[in-house]
Amino acid sequence: MNKTENFRDPRHTDCMGLTGSPLASAGIQARNFTVAINEPSSGIAPGFYSENSLAHEVELLCDPYELVTDARLLNVAVKYFFSYVHDAHNEPVPYGEIAGLYEQFSRHQSMNEPSDDIETMNRLRMWSSVLRVLADAPRAAHVMRGVISQADAPQCGGGPFVGVDLGAGTGIMLLALQIQARRNGFSDIQTLGYQTDPISGERTHDLVHALGAGSVMLADPTREGAYGVVRGRNISYVANEVLAGIQQSLSAENCFRKYQAFFNAVGENLNSAAFFPEGLIAHSAAARASVILAKENGFQPPQEFMDEKFVPQGLILEGKLLPMHKLGQDFYQFLT
């Protein structure tokens, strides 16, 4: 038995055979880049996958008469990953090409293989920091489900729907917000994400905009002035892709100051806003303290812990407390 076959992620010991799927393996690699995986041996598509384009699948999900199933969400998640790299949102993509891209991402920090397309590998490296969220396809799909099915999400009541993502990353949250708003009856939908990296930010904006899911602003979300475009408007929904990220601790720089500036800038216009996640439990080993971050405390730790780094341990998602190691677990059944 080789190293790949012998590997089991300790957080997924109940999901035997997951490393046989390039999608599952890429997700594991997004958390741990030391594990080797095999070349995709077959381009045979699993049951959840359809040959429709990403744009077509998104339109189906936006229709309130269409069911939101886990299979459909995973289908969108893997196609979004491929489209982010190859700008193929309007094209049907064979599953083998998507599986191959996940395999390439699983080793993109290593040297190229002779058969690799150099431009593709360079894109994977250039956008690596944000692609790690998408590379864990089950987790990305679970995050989408959490946004789309959130019980306290705003319903159409005159609108408009104003959604903000404080850490847009890949834009998958903005896409989920667009789907949620359209399914809940809104026609006037304005969604805006914030990015500080001009390289990935430009790519994220292009894909989100092409899918009709809003726009991304290259601005520092830790500054109150960045929120001038939404100041004075009633905010419908606030998301943050960073909070569902991979291998990332939460700190004042990447999380707390964003929320602080945002709450200071928009104030009472958040009274009826829904949030993703609804809440978060995080732990700091250095401070020997755990905190609950939620709308009620502005997603702020106690002041004495503002300079500490916290590791997310659980999300309040779909009305329940979900341990972080279980995020995405419902979707692994489709990859075996």
C-alpha atoms as a PDB file:
ATOM      1  CA  MET A   1       0.000   0.000   0.000  1.00  0.00           C
ATOM      2  CA  ASN A   2       1.490   3.355  -0.983  1.00  0.00           C
ATOM      3  CA  LYS A   3       1.532   6.536   1.110  1.00  0.00           C
ATOM      4  CA  THR A   4      -1.627   7.884  -0.488  1.00  0.00           C
ATOM      5  CA  GLU A   5      -3.675   4.764   0.179  1.00  0.00           C
ATOM      6  CA  ASN A   6      -2.446   4.601   3.770  1.00  0.00           C
ATOM      7  CA  PHE A   7      -3.382   8.187   4.604  1.00  0.00           C
ATOM      8  CA  ARG A   8      -6.507   9.040   6.557  1.00  0.00           C
ATOM      9  CA  ASP A   9      -7.290  12.528   7.797  1.00  0.00           C
ATOM     10  CA  PRO A  10      -7.984  12.019  11.531  1.00  0.00           C
ATOM     11  CA  ARG A  11     -10.950  14.368  11.260  1.00  0.00           C
ATOM     12  CA  HIS A  12     -12.581  12.114   8.677  1.00  0.00           C
ATOM     13  CA  THR A  13     -11.932   8.632  10.051  1.00  0.00           C
ATOM     14  CA  ASP A  14     -15.551   7.706   9.415  1.00  0.00           C
ATOM     15  CA  CYS A  15     -15.303   8.484   5.690  1.00  0.00           C
ATOM     16  CA  MET A  16     -13.343   5.564   4.278  1.00  0.00           C
ATOM     17  CA  GLY A  17     -11.898   5.892   0.815  1.00  0.00           C
ATOM     18  CA  LEU A  18     -12.096   9.676   0.550  1.00  0.00           C
ATOM     19  CA  THR A  19      -8.553   9.998  -0.714  1.00  0.00           C
ATOM     20  CA  GLY A  20      -9.634   8.116  -3.816  1.00  0.00           C
ATOM     21  CA  SER A  21     -11.304  11.302  -5.033  1.00  0.00           C
ATOM     22  CA  PRO A  22      -9.152  14.152  -6.349  1.00  0.00           C
ATOM     23  CA  LEU A  23     -11.717  16.570  -4.925  1.00  0.00           C
ATOM     24  CA  ALA A  24     -11.471  15.138  -1.421  1.00  0.00           C
ATOM     25  CA  SER A  25      -7.704  14.880  -1.643  1.00  0.00           C
ATOM     26  CA  ALA A  26      -7.383  18.484  -2.759  1.00  0.00           C
ATOM     27  CA  GLY A  27      -9.426  19.521   0.242  1.00  0.00           C
ATOM     28  CA  ILE A  28      -7.089  17.631   2.530  1.00  0.00           C
ATOM     29  CA  GLN A  29      -4.132  19.227   0.764  1.00  0.00           C
ATOM     30  CA  ALA A  30      -5.593  22.676   1.348  1.00  0.00           C
ATOM     31  CA  ARG A  31      -5.103  22.012   5.042  1.00  0.00           C
ATOM     32  CA  ASN A  32      -1.961  19.925   4.833  1.00  0.00           C
ATOM     33  CA  PHE A  33       0.316  20.196   1.817  1.00  0.00           C
ATOM     34  CA  THR A  34       2.528  17.276   2.860  1.00  0.00           C
ATOM     35  CA  VAL A  35       0.279  14.473   1.647  1.00  0.00           C
ATOM     36  CA  ALA A  36       0.883  12.983  -1.801  1.00  0.00           C
ATOM     37  CA  ILE A  37      -2.025  11.951  -3.997  1.00  0.00           C
ATOM     38  CA  ASN A  38      -2.232  10.029  -7.237  1.00  0.00           C
ATOM     39  CA  GLU A  39      -3.033  11.329 -10.680  1.00  0.00           C
ATOM     40  CA  PRO A  40      -6.787  11.143 -11.342  1.00  0.00           C
ATOM     41  CA  SER A  41      -7.055   7.674 -12.819  1.00  0.00           C
ATOM     42  CA  SER A  42     -10.383   8.249 -14.500  1.00  0.00           C
ATOM     43  CA  GLY A  43     -12.452  11.068 -15.878  1.00  0.00           C
ATOM     44  CA  ILE A  44     -15.691   9.270 -14.995  1.00  0.00           C
ATOM     45  CA  ALA A  45     -17.945  11.814 -13.301  1.00  0.00           C
ATOM     46  CA  PRO A  46     -19.444  11.026  -9.893  1.00  0.00           C
ATOM     47  CA  GLY A  47     -23.219  11.088  -9.480  1.00  0.00           C
ATOM     48  CA  PHE A  48     -23.435  14.655  -8.207  1.00  0.00           C
ATOM     49  CA  TYR A  49     -21.733  16.140 -11.261  1.00  0.00           C
ATOM     50  CA  SER A  50     -23.589  17.540 -14.270  1.00  0.00           C
ATOM     51  CA  GLU A  51     -22.190  18.692 -17.594  1.00  0.00           C
ATOM     52  CA  ASN A  52     -24.038  22.016 -17.395  1.00  0.00           C
ATOM     53  CA  SER A  53     -22.049  25.242 -17.203  1.00  0.00           C
ATOM     54  CA  LEU A  54     -21.505  27.037 -13.902  1.00  0.00           C
ATOM     55  CA  ALA A  55     -23.705  29.930 -15.054  1.00  0.00           C
ATOM     56  CA  HIS A  56     -26.563  27.514 -15.830  1.00  0.00           C
ATOM     57  CA  GLU A  57     -26.263  25.790 -12.451  1.00  0.00           C
ATOM     58  CA  VAL A  58     -26.301  29.157 -10.669  1.00  0.00           C
ATOM     59  CA  GLU A  59     -29.472  30.162 -12.506  1.00  0.00           C
ATOM     60  CA  LEU A  60     -31.149  26.945 -11.386  1.00  0.00           C
ATOM     61  CA  LEU A  61     -30.217  27.604  -7.762  1.00  0.00           C
ATOM     62  CA  CYS A  62     -31.579  31.153  -7.988  1.00  0.00           C
ATOM     63  CA  ASP A  63     -35.010  29.801  -8.926  1.00  0.00           C
ATOM     64  CA  PRO A  64     -37.080  29.451  -5.719  1.00  0.00           C
ATOM     65  CA  TYR A  65     -39.017  26.583  -7.322  1.00  0.00           C
ATOM     66  CA  GLU A  66     -35.857  24.531  -7.715  1.00  0.00           C
ATOM     67  CA  LEU A  67     -34.659  22.441  -4.783  1.00  0.00           C
ATOM     68  CA  VAL A  68     -31.354  23.328  -3.143  1.00  0.00           C
ATOM     69  CA  THR A  69     -29.679  19.951  -2.724  1.00  0.00           C
ATOM     70  CA  ASP A  70     -26.234  19.136  -1.393  1.00  0.00           C
ATOM     71  CA  ALA A  71     -25.358  17.566  -4.732  1.00  0.00           C
ATOM     72  CA  ARG A  72     -26.198  20.779  -6.586  1.00  0.00           C
ATOM     73  CA  LEU A  73     -24.156  22.884  -4.178  1.00  0.00           C
ATOM     74  CA  LEU A  74     -21.120  20.641  -4.508  1.00  0.00           C
ATOM     75  CA  ASN A  75     -21.573  20.762  -8.274  1.00  0.00           C
ATOM     76  CA  VAL A  76     -21.435  24.576  -8.169  1.00  0.00           C
ATOM     77  CA  ALA A  77     -18.482  24.606  -5.772  1.00  0.00           C
ATOM     78  CA  VAL A  78     -16.208  22.514  -8.006  1.00  0.00           C
ATOM     79  CA  LYS A  79     -17.205  24.410 -11.141  1.00  0.00           C
ATOM     80  CA  TYR A  80     -16.581  27.724  -9.398  1.00  0.00           C
ATOM     81  CA  PHE A  81     -13.072  26.532  -8.526  1.00  0.00           C
ATOM     82  CA  PHE A  82     -12.409  25.606 -12.159  1.00  0.00           C
ATOM     83  CA  SER A  83     -13.916  28.841 -13.479  1.00  0.00           C
ATOM     84  CA  TYR A  84     -11.838  30.927 -11.080  1.00  0.00           C
ATOM     85  CA  VAL A  85      -8.693  29.514 -12.666  1.00  0.00           C
ATOM     86  CA  HIS A  86      -9.826  29.127 -16.274  1.00  0.00           C
ATOM     87  CA  ASP A  87     -12.627  31.710 -16.758  1.00  0.00           C
ATOM     88  CA  ALA A  88     -15.015  29.021 -17.979  1.00  0.00           C
ATOM     89  CA  HIS A  89     -18.273  29.966 -16.261  1.00  0.00           C
ATOM     90  CA  ASN A  90     -20.313  29.833 -19.481  1.00  0.00           C
ATOM     91  CA  GLU A  91     -18.875  26.563 -20.768  1.00  0.00           C
ATOM     92  CA  PRO A  92     -19.729  22.940 -19.960  1.00  0.00           C
ATOM     93  CA  VAL A  93     -16.588  21.360 -18.497  1.00  0.00           C
ATOM     94  CA  PRO A  94     -15.823  17.617 -18.525  1.00  0.00           C
ATOM     95  CA  TYR A  95     -15.350  16.249 -15.026  1.00  0.00           C
ATOM     96  CA  GLY A  96     -11.904  14.901 -15.900  1.00  0.00           C
ATOM     97  CA  GLU A  97     -10.618  18.440 -16.467  1.00  0.00           C
ATOM     98  CA  ILE A  98     -11.909  19.573 -13.087  1.00  0.00           C
ATOM     99  CA  ALA A  99     -10.450  16.531 -11.321  1.00  0.00           C
ATOM    100  CA  GLY A 100      -7.147  17.207 -13.037  1.00  0.00           C
ATOM    101  CA  LEU A 101      -7.101  20.810 -11.830  1.00  0.00           C
ATOM    102  CA  TYR A 102      -7.726  19.710  -8.244  1.00  0.00           C
ATOM    103  CA  GLU A 103      -4.844  17.272  -8.546  1.00  0.00           C
ATOM    104  CA  GLN A 104      -2.596  20.053  -9.827  1.00  0.00           C
ATOM    105  CA  PHE A 105      -3.605  22.307  -6.970  1.00  0.00           C
ATOM    106  CA  SER A 106      -2.770  19.592  -4.453  1.00  0.00           C
ATOM    107  CA  ARG A 107       0.884  19.889  -5.511  1.00  0.00           C
ATOM    108  CA  HIS A 108       1.065  23.426  -6.840  1.00  0.00           C
ATOM    109  CA  GLN A 109       3.659  24.504  -4.283  1.00  0.00           C
ATOM    110  CA  SER A 110       6.034  21.838  -5.557  1.00  0.00           C
ATOM    111  CA  MET A 111       7.878  21.629  -8.885  1.00  0.00           C
ATOM    112  CA  ASN A 112       5.938  21.239 -12.112  1.00  0.00           C
ATOM    113  CA  GLU A 113       5.516  17.865 -13.760  1.00  0.00           C
ATOM    114  CA  PRO A 114       6.712  17.718 -17.399  1.00  0.00           C
ATOM    115  CA  SER A 115       3.113  17.526 -18.631  1.00  0.00           C
ATOM    116  CA  ASP A 116       1.890  20.532 -16.628  1.00  0.00           C
ATOM    117  CA  ASP A 117       0.686  23.668 -18.335  1.00  0.00           C
ATOM    118  CA  ILE A 118       3.007  26.342 -16.932  1.00  0.00           C
ATOM    119  CA  GLU A 119       0.431  29.142 -17.128  1.00  0.00           C
ATOM    120  CA  THR A 120      -2.121  27.117 -15.160  1.00  0.00           C
ATOM    121  CA  MET A 121       0.388  26.238 -12.460  1.00  0.00           C
ATOM    122  CA  ASN A 122       1.438  29.878 -12.188  1.00  0.00           C
ATOM    123  CA  ARG A 123      -2.201  30.919 -11.742  1.00  0.00           C
ATOM    124  CA  LEU A 124      -2.640  28.369  -8.968  1.00  0.00           C
ATOM    125  CA  ARG A 125       0.416  29.756  -7.179  1.00  0.00           C
ATOM    126  CA  MET A 126      -0.574  33.364  -7.762  1.00  0.00           C
ATOM    127  CA  TRP A 127      -4.070  32.867  -6.305  1.00  0.00           C
ATOM    128  CA  SER A 128      -3.077  30.174  -3.800  1.00  0.00           C
ATOM    129  CA  SER A 129      -4.101  32.036  -0.650  1.00  0.00           C
ATOM    130  CA  VAL A 130      -7.729  32.411  -1.729  1.00  0.00           C
ATOM    131  CA  LEU A 131      -8.024  29.175  -3.713  1.00  0.00           C
ATOM    132  CA  ARG A 132      -7.425  27.132  -0.563  1.00  0.00           C
ATOM    133  CA  VAL A 133     -10.998  27.832   0.494  1.00  0.00           C
ATOM    134  CA  LEU A 134     -12.379  26.582  -2.833  1.00  0.00           C
ATOM    135  CA  ALA A 135      -9.962  23.644  -2.969  1.00  0.00           C
ATOM    136  CA  ASP A 136     -11.814  22.131  -0.039  1.00  0.00           C
ATOM    137  CA  ALA A 137     -14.920  21.560  -2.156  1.00  0.00           C
ATOM    138  CA  PRO A 138     -17.100  20.001   0.586  1.00  0.00           C
ATOM    139  CA  ARG A 139     -16.383  22.888   2.942  1.00  0.00           C
ATOM    140  CA  ALA A 140     -17.092  25.485   0.229  1.00  0.00           C
ATOM    141  CA  ALA A 141     -20.387  23.751  -0.568  1.00  0.00           C
ATOM    142  CA  HIS A 142     -21.335  23.636   3.122  1.00  0.00           C
ATOM    143  CA  VAL A 143     -20.653  27.353   3.495  1.00  0.00           C
ATOM    144  CA  MET A 144     -22.909  28.065   0.519  1.00  0.00           C
ATOM    145  CA  ARG A 145     -25.657  25.945   2.049  1.00  0.00           C
ATOM    146  CA  GLY A 146     -25.304  27.811   5.332  1.00  0.00           C
ATOM    147  CA  VAL A 147     -25.835  31.158   3.627  1.00  0.00           C
ATOM    148  CA  ILE A 148     -28.623  30.112   1.259  1.00  0.00           C
ATOM    149  CA  SER A 149     -30.679  28.260   3.862  1.00  0.00           C
ATOM    150  CA  GLN A 150     -30.162  30.589   6.830  1.00  0.00           C
ATOM    151  CA  ALA A 151     -33.461  30.783   8.701  1.00  0.00           C
ATOM    152  CA  ASP A 152     -33.203  34.466   9.659  1.00  0.00           C
ATOM    153  CA  ALA A 153     -32.177  35.611   6.170  1.00  0.00           C
ATOM    154  CA  PRO A 154     -34.166  38.665   5.013  1.00  0.00           C
ATOM    155  CA  GLN A 155     -37.304  38.086   2.952  1.00  0.00           C
ATOM    156  CA  CYS A 156     -38.505  40.430   0.227  1.00  0.00           C
ATOM    157  CA  GLY A 157     -40.257  43.330   1.893  1.00  0.00           C
ATOM    158  CA  GLY A 158     -39.701  46.221  -0.435  1.00  0.00           C
ATOM    159  CA  GLY A 159     -35.932  45.854  -0.693  1.00  0.00           C
ATOM    160  CA  PRO A 160     -33.380  46.528  -1.816  1.00  0.00           C
ATOM    161  CA  PHE A 161     -31.214  43.666  -0.594  1.00  0.00           C
ATOM    162  CA  VAL A 162     -27.799  45.034   0.441  1.00  0.00           C
ATOM    163  CA  GLY A 163     -25.203  42.350   1.176  1.00  0.00           C
ATOM    164  CA  VAL A 164     -21.615  42.939   2.299  1.00  0.00           C
ATOM    165  CA  ASP A 165     -18.705  40.483   2.480  1.00  0.00           C
ATOM    166  CA  LEU A 166     -15.957  41.853   4.717  1.00  0.00           C
ATOM    167  CA  GLY A 167     -13.380  39.386   3.418  1.00  0.00           C
ATOM    168  CA  ALA A 168     -14.444  38.477  -0.099  1.00  0.00           C
ATOM    169  CA  GLY A 169     -11.599  36.077  -0.897  1.00  0.00           C
ATOM    170  CA  THR A 170     -12.820  34.026  -3.847  1.00  0.00           C
ATOM    171  CA  GLY A 171     -16.296  35.589  -3.967  1.00  0.00           C
ATOM    172  CA  ILE A 172     -18.110  32.332  -3.167  1.00  0.00           C
ATOM    173  CA  MET A 173     -19.973  34.126  -0.358  1.00  0.00           C
ATOM    174  CA  LEU A 174     -21.156  36.857  -2.720  1.00  0.00           C
ATOM    175  CA  LEU A 175     -22.462  34.185  -5.071  1.00  0.00           C
ATOM    176  CA  ALA A 176     -24.302  32.513  -2.181  1.00  0.00           C
ATOM    177  CA  LEU A 177     -25.770  35.882  -1.153  1.00  0.00           C
ATOM    178  CA  GLN A 178     -27.051  36.482  -4.671  1.00  0.00           C
ATOM    179  CA  ILE A 179     -28.691  33.055  -4.723  1.00  0.00           C
ATOM    180  CA  GLN A 180     -30.209  33.587  -1.284  1.00  0.00           C
ATOM    181  CA  ALA A 181     -31.622  37.013  -2.161  1.00  0.00           C
ATOM    182  CA  ARG A 182     -33.142  35.872  -5.444  1.00  0.00           C
ATOM    183  CA  ARG A 183     -34.699  32.801  -3.865  1.00  0.00           C
ATOM    184  CA  ASN A 184     -36.187  35.019  -1.145  1.00  0.00           C
ATOM    185  CA  GLY A 185     -37.942  37.270  -3.634  1.00  0.00           C
ATOM    186  CA  PHE A 186     -35.607  40.245  -4.066  1.00  0.00           C
ATOM    187  CA  SER A 187     -35.160  41.793  -7.507  1.00  0.00           C
ATOM    188  CA  ASP A 188     -33.052  44.789  -6.456  1.00  0.00           C
ATOM    189  CA  ILE A 189     -29.920  43.082  -5.138  1.00  0.00           C
ATOM    190  CA  GLN A 190     -26.695  44.897  -4.379  1.00  0.00           C
ATOM    191  CA  THR A 191     -23.812  42.809  -3.057  1.00  0.00           C
ATOM    192  CA  LEU A 192     -20.339  44.140  -2.389  1.00  0.00           C
ATOM    193  CA  GLY A 193     -17.184  42.405  -1.216  1.00  0.00           C
ATOM    194  CA  TYR A 194     -13.934  43.838   0.123  1.00  0.00           C
ATOM    195  CA  GLN A 195     -10.479  42.634  -0.889  1.00  0.00           C
ATOM    196  CA  THR A 196      -7.036  44.059  -0.169  1.00  0.00           C
ATOM    197  CA  ASP A 197      -4.993  41.870  -2.531  1.00  0.00           C
ATOM    198  CA  PRO A 198      -5.105  43.477  -5.994  1.00  0.00           C
ATOM    199  CA  ILE A 199      -4.018  40.267  -7.756  1.00  0.00           C
ATOM    200  CA  SER A 200      -6.734  37.943  -6.462  1.00  0.00           C
ATOM    201  CA  GLY A 201      -9.152  40.825  -5.943  1.00  0.00           C
ATOM    202  CA  GLU A 202      -9.274  41.642  -9.635  1.00  0.00           C
ATOM    203  CA  ARG A 203      -9.884  38.008 -10.558  1.00  0.00           C
ATOM    204  CA  THR A 204     -12.580  37.642  -7.906  1.00  0.00           C
ATOM    205  CA  HIS A 205     -14.364  40.775  -9.111  1.00  0.00           C
ATOM    206  CA  ASP A 206     -14.300  39.596 -12.735  1.00  0.00           C
ATOM    207  CA  LEU A 207     -15.837  36.212 -11.935  1.00  0.00           C
ATOM    208  CA  VAL A 208     -18.421  37.527  -9.465  1.00  0.00           C
ATOM    209  CA  HIS A 209     -19.444  40.279 -11.870  1.00  0.00           C
ATOM    210  CA  ALA A 210     -19.669  37.860 -14.813  1.00  0.00           C
ATOM    211  CA  LEU A 211     -22.071  35.696 -12.807  1.00  0.00           C
ATOM    212  CA  GLY A 212     -24.198  38.723 -11.903  1.00  0.00           C
ATOM    213  CA  ALA A 213     -23.370  38.290  -8.222  1.00  0.00           C
ATOM    214  CA  GLY A 214     -22.152  41.795  -7.395  1.00  0.00           C
ATOM    215  CA  SER A 215     -18.736  43.398  -7.299  1.00  0.00           C
ATOM    216  CA  VAL A 216     -15.516  43.477  -5.298  1.00  0.00           C
ATOM    217  CA  MET A 217     -13.924  46.663  -4.040  1.00  0.00           C
ATOM    218  CA  LEU A 218     -10.168  46.900  -3.593  1.00  0.00           C
ATOM    219  CA  ALA A 219     -10.158  48.741  -0.288  1.00  0.00           C
ATOM    220  CA  ASP A 220      -8.908  48.212   3.238  1.00  0.00           C
ATOM    221  CA  PRO A 221     -11.919  47.013   5.273  1.00  0.00           C
ATOM    222  CA  THR A 222     -10.182  47.937   8.540  1.00  0.00           C
ATOM    223  CA  ARG A 223     -10.754  51.633   7.655  1.00  0.00           C
ATOM    224  CA  GLU A 224     -14.161  53.181   8.301  1.00  0.00           C
ATOM    225  CA  GLY A 225     -13.860  55.227   5.121  1.00  0.00           C
ATOM    226  CA  ALA A 226     -14.007  52.042   3.040  1.00  0.00           C
ATOM    227  CA  TYR A 227     -17.700  51.718   3.870  1.00  0.00           C
ATOM    228  CA  GLY A 228     -18.791  55.066   2.484  1.00  0.00           C
ATOM    229  CA  VAL A 229     -20.674  53.340  -0.342  1.00  0.00           C
ATOM    230  CA  VAL A 230     -22.966  51.519   2.135  1.00  0.00           C
ATOM    231  CA  ARG A 231     -23.082  54.106   4.922  1.00  0.00           C
ATOM    232  CA  GLY A 232     -26.638  55.295   5.572  1.00  0.00           C
ATOM    233  CA  ARG A 233     -28.190  52.257   3.897  1.00  0.00           C
ATOM    234  CA  ASN A 234     -30.015  49.435   5.620  1.00  0.00           C
ATOM    235  CA  ILE A 235     -27.778  46.376   5.457  1.00  0.00           C
ATOM    236  CA  SER A 236     -29.549  43.092   4.778  1.00  0.00           C
ATOM    237  CA  TYR A 237     -26.727  40.600   5.224  1.00  0.00           C
ATOM    238  CA  VAL A 238     -23.100  40.547   6.387  1.00  0.00           C
ATOM    239  CA  ALA A 239     -20.764  37.709   5.478  1.00  0.00           C
ATOM    240  CA  ASN A 240     -17.066  37.029   5.866  1.00  0.00           C
ATOM    241  CA  GLU A 241     -15.325  34.300   3.898  1.00  0.00           C
ATOM    242  CA  VAL A 242     -12.307  34.575   6.217  1.00  0.00           C
ATOM    243  CA  LEU A 243     -14.292  33.042   9.072  1.00  0.00           C
ATOM    244  CA  ALA A 244     -14.730  29.816   7.114  1.00  0.00           C
ATOM    245  CA  GLY A 245     -11.156  29.823   5.852  1.00  0.00           C
ATOM    246  CA  ILE A 246      -8.552  27.100   6.044  1.00  0.00           C
ATOM    247  CA  GLN A 247      -5.366  27.114   8.123  1.00  0.00           C
ATOM    248  CA  GLN A 248      -6.054  30.653   9.238  1.00  0.00           C
ATOM    249  CA  SER A 249      -6.209  32.083  12.725  1.00  0.00           C
ATOM    250  CA  LEU A 250      -8.286  35.158  13.500  1.00  0.00           C
ATOM    251  CA  SER A 251      -6.581  38.346  14.632  1.00  0.00           C
ATOM    252  CA  ALA A 252      -7.135  42.079  14.864  1.00  0.00           C
ATOM    253  CA  GLU A 253      -5.587  42.529  11.431  1.00  0.00           C
ATOM    254  CA  ASN A 254      -7.606  40.010   9.438  1.00  0.00           C
ATOM    255  CA  CYS A 255     -10.857  40.029  11.405  1.00  0.00           C
ATOM    256  CA  PHE A 256     -11.575  42.121  14.499  1.00  0.00           C
ATOM    257  CA  ARG A 257     -10.625  45.534  13.095  1.00  0.00           C
ATOM    258  CA  LYS A 258     -12.731  44.896   9.999  1.00  0.00           C
ATOM    259  CA  TYR A 259     -15.832  44.359  12.079  1.00  0.00           C
ATOM    260  CA  GLN A 260     -14.951  47.250  14.364  1.00  0.00           C
ATOM    261  CA  ALA A 261     -14.632  49.663  11.445  1.00  0.00           C
ATOM    262  CA  PHE A 262     -17.772  48.282   9.795  1.00  0.00           C
ATOM    263  CA  PHE A 263     -19.957  48.567  12.900  1.00  0.00           C
ATOM    264  CA  ASN A 264     -18.637  52.083  13.554  1.00  0.00           C
ATOM    265  CA  ALA A 265     -19.347  53.133   9.975  1.00  0.00           C
ATOM    266  CA  VAL A 266     -22.857  51.767   9.482  1.00  0.00           C
ATOM    267  CA  GLY A 267     -24.135  51.726  13.075  1.00  0.00           C
ATOM    268  CA  GLU A 268     -27.900  51.426  13.416  1.00  0.00           C
ATOM    269  CA  ASN A 269     -28.257  50.316   9.799  1.00  0.00           C
ATOM    270  CA  LEU A 270     -27.287  46.833  11.013  1.00  0.00           C
ATOM    271  CA  ASN A 271     -30.288  46.439  13.291  1.00  0.00           C
ATOM    272  CA  SER A 272     -32.117  44.015  10.999  1.00  0.00           C
ATOM    273  CA  ALA A 273     -29.083  42.487   9.276  1.00  0.00           C
ATOM    274  CA  ALA A 274     -28.431  38.761   9.270  1.00  0.00           C
ATOM    275  CA  PHE A 275     -24.864  37.487   9.597  1.00  0.00           C
ATOM    276  CA  PHE A 276     -22.780  34.580   8.362  1.00  0.00           C
ATOM    277  CA  PRO A 277     -21.724  32.961  10.475  1.00  0.00           C
ATOM    278  CA  GLU A 278     -24.400  33.677  13.045  1.00  0.00           C
ATOM    279  CA  GLY A 279     -21.686  33.251  15.647  1.00  0.00           C
ATOM    280  CA  LEU A 280     -18.260  31.760  16.179  1.00  0.00           C
ATOM    281  CA  ILE A 281     -16.387  30.117  19.040  1.00  0.00           C
ATOM    282  CA  ALA A 282     -12.614  30.584  18.914  1.00  0.00           C
ATOM    283  CA  HIS A 283      -9.727  29.716  21.225  1.00  0.00           C
ATOM    284  CA  SER A 284      -6.348  31.292  21.936  1.00  0.00           C
ATOM    285  CA  ALA A 285      -3.775  28.894  23.364  1.00  0.00           C
ATOM    286  CA  ALA A 286      -1.453  31.795  24.242  1.00  0.00           C
ATOM    287  CA  ALA A 287      -4.137  33.613  26.213  1.00  0.00           C
ATOM    288  CA  ARG A 288      -5.704  30.394  27.491  1.00  0.00           C
ATOM    289  CA  ALA A 289      -9.085  31.821  26.647  1.00  0.00           C
ATOM    290  CA  SER A 290     -12.076  31.051  24.450  1.00  0.00           C
ATOM    291  CA  VAL A 291     -14.406  33.718  23.077  1.00  0.00           C
ATOM    292  CA  ILE A 292     -17.801  33.861  21.420  1.00  0.00           C
ATOM    293  CA  LEU A 293     -17.969  36.254  18.481  1.00  0.00           C
ATOM    294  CA  ALA A 294     -21.406  37.331  17.292  1.00  0.00           C
ATOM    295  CA  LYS A 295     -23.490  40.279  16.147  1.00  0.00           C
ATOM    296  CA  GLU A 296     -24.284  41.133  19.758  1.00  0.00           C
ATOM    297  CA  ASN A 297     -20.629  41.936  20.551  1.00  0.00           C
ATOM    298  CA  GLY A 298     -19.732  43.171  17.088  1.00  0.00           C
ATOM    299  CA  PHE A 299     -17.578  40.077  16.510  1.00  0.00           C
ATOM    300  CA  GLN A 300     -15.085  41.537  18.983  1.00  0.00           C
ATOM    301  CA  PRO A 301     -13.163  39.694  21.702  1.00  0.00           C
ATOM    302  CA  PRO A 302     -12.712  41.409  25.082  1.00  0.00           C
ATOM    303  CA  GLN A 303     -10.341  44.360  24.724  1.00  0.00           C
ATOM    304  CA  GLU A 304      -7.562  42.618  26.635  1.00  0.00           C
ATOM    305  CA  PHE A 305      -7.481  39.904  23.956  1.00  0.00           C
ATOM    306  CA  MET A 306      -7.459  42.157  20.889  1.00  0.00           C
ATOM    307  CA  ASP A 307      -3.796  41.425  20.147  1.00  0.00           C
ATOM    308  CA  GLU A 308      -4.172  37.654  20.477  1.00  0.00           C
ATOM    309  CA  LYS A 309      -4.658  35.139  17.681  1.00  0.00           C
ATOM    310  CA  PHE A 310      -7.669  32.861  17.907  1.00  0.00           C
ATOM    311  CA  VAL A 311      -8.288  29.539  16.184  1.00  0.00           C
ATOM    312  CA  PRO A 312     -11.918  28.951  15.127  1.00  0.00           C
ATOM    313  CA  GLN A 313     -13.375  25.917  16.899  1.00  0.00           C
ATOM    314  CA  GLY A 314     -17.028  26.053  15.956  1.00  0.00           C
ATOM    315  CA  LEU A 315     -19.573  27.965  13.909  1.00  0.00           C
ATOM    316  CA  ILE A 316     -23.171  28.756  14.728  1.00  0.00           C
ATOM    317  CA  LEU A 317     -24.549  27.693  11.378  1.00  0.00           C
ATOM    318  CA  GLU A 318     -28.079  26.811  10.268  1.00  0.00           C
ATOM    319  CA  GLY A 319     -29.195  27.491  13.836  1.00  0.00           C
ATOM    320  CA  LYS A 320     -26.819  24.940  15.361  1.00  0.00           C
ATOM    321  CA  LEU A 321     -23.313  24.869  16.802  1.00  0.00           C
ATOM    322  CA  LEU A 322     -21.100  23.063  14.307  1.00  0.00           C
ATOM    323  CA  PRO A 323     -17.543  22.032  15.274  1.00  0.00           C
ATOM    324  CA  MET A 324     -15.090  23.212  12.628  1.00  0.00           C
ATOM    325  CA  HIS A 325     -13.920  19.678  11.871  1.00  0.00           C
ATOM    326  CA  LYS A 326     -17.458  18.810  10.782  1.00  0.00           C
ATOM    327  CA  LEU A 327     -17.743  21.661   8.285  1.00  0.00           C
ATOM    328  CA  GLY A 328     -18.148  19.946   4.922  1.00  0.00           C
ATOM    329  CA  GLN A 329     -18.662  16.482   6.392  1.00  0.00           C
ATOM    330  CA  ASP A 330     -22.189  16.127   4.956  1.00  0.00           C
ATOM    331  CA  PHE A 331     -20.781  16.419   1.441  1.00  0.00           C
ATOM    332  CA  TYR A 332     -18.090  13.727   1.555  1.00  0.00           C
ATOM    333  CA  GLN A 333     -20.629  11.036   0.732  1.00  0.00           C
ATOM    334  CA  PHE A 334     -20.676  12.325  -2.858  1.00  0.00           C
ATOM    335  CA  LEU A 335     -16.919  11.852  -3.303  1.00  0.00           C
ATOM    336  CA  THR A 336     -16.605   8.179  -2.456  1.00  0.00           C
END
